[in-house]
Amino acid sequence: MDRTNPAYGELIHEITGYIVGYWQDAADGHPYHAMFHPGCTARDMACEYMIERYEDWLEGMSWIDPDRLARYASLGRGNDPVAAAMDACDRMFAVIWPHAEGDDPSYP
């Protein structure tokens, strides 16, 4: 991921917002607590939460703000802008919240 790209800081802000949203939803009693998902850590569940939401968000961005989608896509890899932006989101999540012992390696 190119840290010199101005979209990098913008994407950090977006993905951090998803992580905060996960904790807010969990605090409100929504079923994202890892204790309800044996074998999953809080990081795993936050990643699941984020993935469930950002695909729709990115697809909507393709017609609401295509320049923003292009900025995020420039940070990732994929066959189309949404797929590349999703890859960038996954990789940014891994930068912000790295894997630790016990995390499911199938999550980004």
Protein backbone atom coordinates (compact mmCIF):
# COMPACT_ATOMS: atom_id res chain seq x y z
CA MET A 1 0.00 0.00 0.00
CA ASP A 2 1.45 3.35 -1.05
CA ARG A 3 1.65 5.57 2.04
CA THR A 4 2.63 8.55 -0.13
CA ASN A 5 -0.73 8.44 -1.92
CA PRO A 6 -3.01 11.13 -0.39
CA ALA A 7 -5.87 8.60 -0.37
CA TYR A 8 -3.96 6.57 2.23
CA GLY A 9 -4.79 8.96 5.09
CA GLU A 10 -8.37 9.29 3.88
CA LEU A 11 -8.78 5.50 3.86
CA ILE A 12 -7.24 5.22 7.35
CA HIS A 13 -10.00 7.54 8.57
CA GLU A 14 -12.74 5.51 6.84
CA ILE A 15 -11.57 2.12 8.11
CA THR A 16 -11.02 3.46 11.62
CA GLY A 17 -14.65 4.62 11.47
CA TYR A 18 -15.74 1.07 10.67
CA ILE A 19 -13.73 -0.26 13.62
CA VAL A 20 -15.32 2.31 15.93
CA GLY A 21 -18.73 1.43 14.47
CA TYR A 22 -18.10 -2.22 15.32
CA TRP A 23 -17.41 -1.38 18.97
CA GLN A 24 -20.43 0.93 19.13
CA ASP A 25 -22.72 -1.78 17.72
CA ALA A 26 -21.23 -4.37 20.07
CA ALA A 27 -21.74 -2.01 23.04
CA ASP A 28 -25.37 -1.57 21.97
CA GLY A 29 -25.86 -5.34 22.28
CA HIS A 30 -25.64 -6.38 18.65
CA PRO A 31 -24.29 -9.92 18.16
CA TYR A 32 -20.78 -9.06 17.08
CA HIS A 33 -19.14 -10.00 20.36
CA ALA A 34 -16.55 -12.70 19.83
CA MET A 35 -17.96 -14.56 22.84
CA PHE A 36 -20.99 -15.42 20.67
CA HIS A 37 -18.75 -16.80 17.92
CA PRO A 38 -16.50 -19.57 19.27
CA GLY A 39 -13.00 -19.47 17.86
CA CYS A 40 -13.27 -15.80 16.79
CA THR A 41 -11.48 -12.86 18.34
CA ALA A 42 -12.73 -9.29 18.57
CA ARG A 43 -10.53 -8.49 15.56
CA ASP A 44 -12.14 -11.30 13.55
CA MET A 45 -15.62 -10.01 14.38
CA ALA A 46 -14.70 -6.38 13.64
CA CYS A 47 -13.38 -7.49 10.26
CA GLU A 48 -16.60 -9.43 9.59
CA TYR A 49 -18.64 -6.35 10.55
CA MET A 50 -16.62 -4.15 8.24
CA ILE A 51 -16.75 -6.50 5.25
CA GLU A 52 -20.53 -6.81 5.59
CA ARG A 53 -20.87 -3.04 5.27
CA TYR A 54 -18.20 -1.64 3.00
CA GLU A 55 -19.04 -3.61 -0.13
CA ASP A 56 -22.43 -1.87 -0.39
CA TRP A 57 -20.83 1.43 0.58
CA LEU A 58 -18.21 1.14 -2.17
CA GLU A 59 -20.77 0.10 -4.79
CA GLY A 60 -22.88 3.15 -3.88
CA MET A 61 -19.79 5.32 -4.09
CA SER A 62 -19.33 4.25 -7.72
CA TRP A 63 -22.18 6.57 -8.70
CA ILE A 64 -22.23 9.01 -5.75
CA ASP A 65 -18.52 9.86 -5.67
CA PRO A 66 -16.60 8.01 -8.41
CA ASP A 67 -13.46 10.10 -7.82
CA ARG A 68 -13.33 8.95 -4.19
CA LEU A 69 -13.82 5.34 -5.27
CA ALA A 70 -10.96 5.78 -7.75
CA ARG A 71 -8.72 7.13 -4.97
CA TYR A 72 -9.40 4.08 -2.81
CA ALA A 73 -9.08 1.73 -5.77
CA SER A 74 -5.64 3.21 -6.50
CA LEU A 75 -4.48 1.70 -3.19
CA GLY A 76 -5.64 -1.85 -3.94
CA ARG A 77 -5.74 -4.57 -6.55
CA GLY A 78 -8.75 -5.98 -8.36
CA ASN A 79 -10.52 -6.48 -11.67
CA ASP A 80 -12.68 -3.37 -11.27
CA PRO A 81 -12.65 -0.25 -9.08
CA VAL A 82 -14.96 -1.72 -6.41
CA ALA A 83 -12.88 -4.90 -6.11
CA ALA A 84 -9.65 -2.88 -5.94
CA ALA A 85 -11.13 -0.57 -3.30
CA MET A 86 -12.34 -3.58 -1.30
CA ASP A 87 -8.82 -4.99 -1.42
CA ALA A 88 -7.49 -1.65 -0.19
CA CYS A 89 -10.01 -1.65 2.67
CA ASP A 90 -8.98 -5.17 3.68
CA ARG A 91 -5.32 -4.30 3.60
CA MET A 92 -5.86 -1.04 5.49
CA PHE A 93 -7.76 -2.94 8.19
CA ALA A 94 -4.70 -5.22 8.54
CA VAL A 95 -2.44 -2.17 8.87
CA ILE A 96 -4.63 -0.53 11.53
CA TRP A 97 -5.39 -3.72 13.47
CA PRO A 98 -2.70 -6.33 12.79
CA HIS A 99 -3.26 -10.03 13.41
CA ALA A 100 -2.44 -11.34 16.87
CA GLU A 101 -2.25 -14.84 18.27
CA GLY A 102 -5.65 -16.50 18.04
CA ASP A 103 -6.97 -14.42 15.15
CA ASP A 104 -8.48 -16.34 12.26
CA PRO A 105 -5.95 -16.12 9.39
CA SER A 106 -8.80 -16.21 6.82
CA TYR A 107 -9.69 -12.63 7.74
CA PRO A 108 -7.67 -9.84 6.14
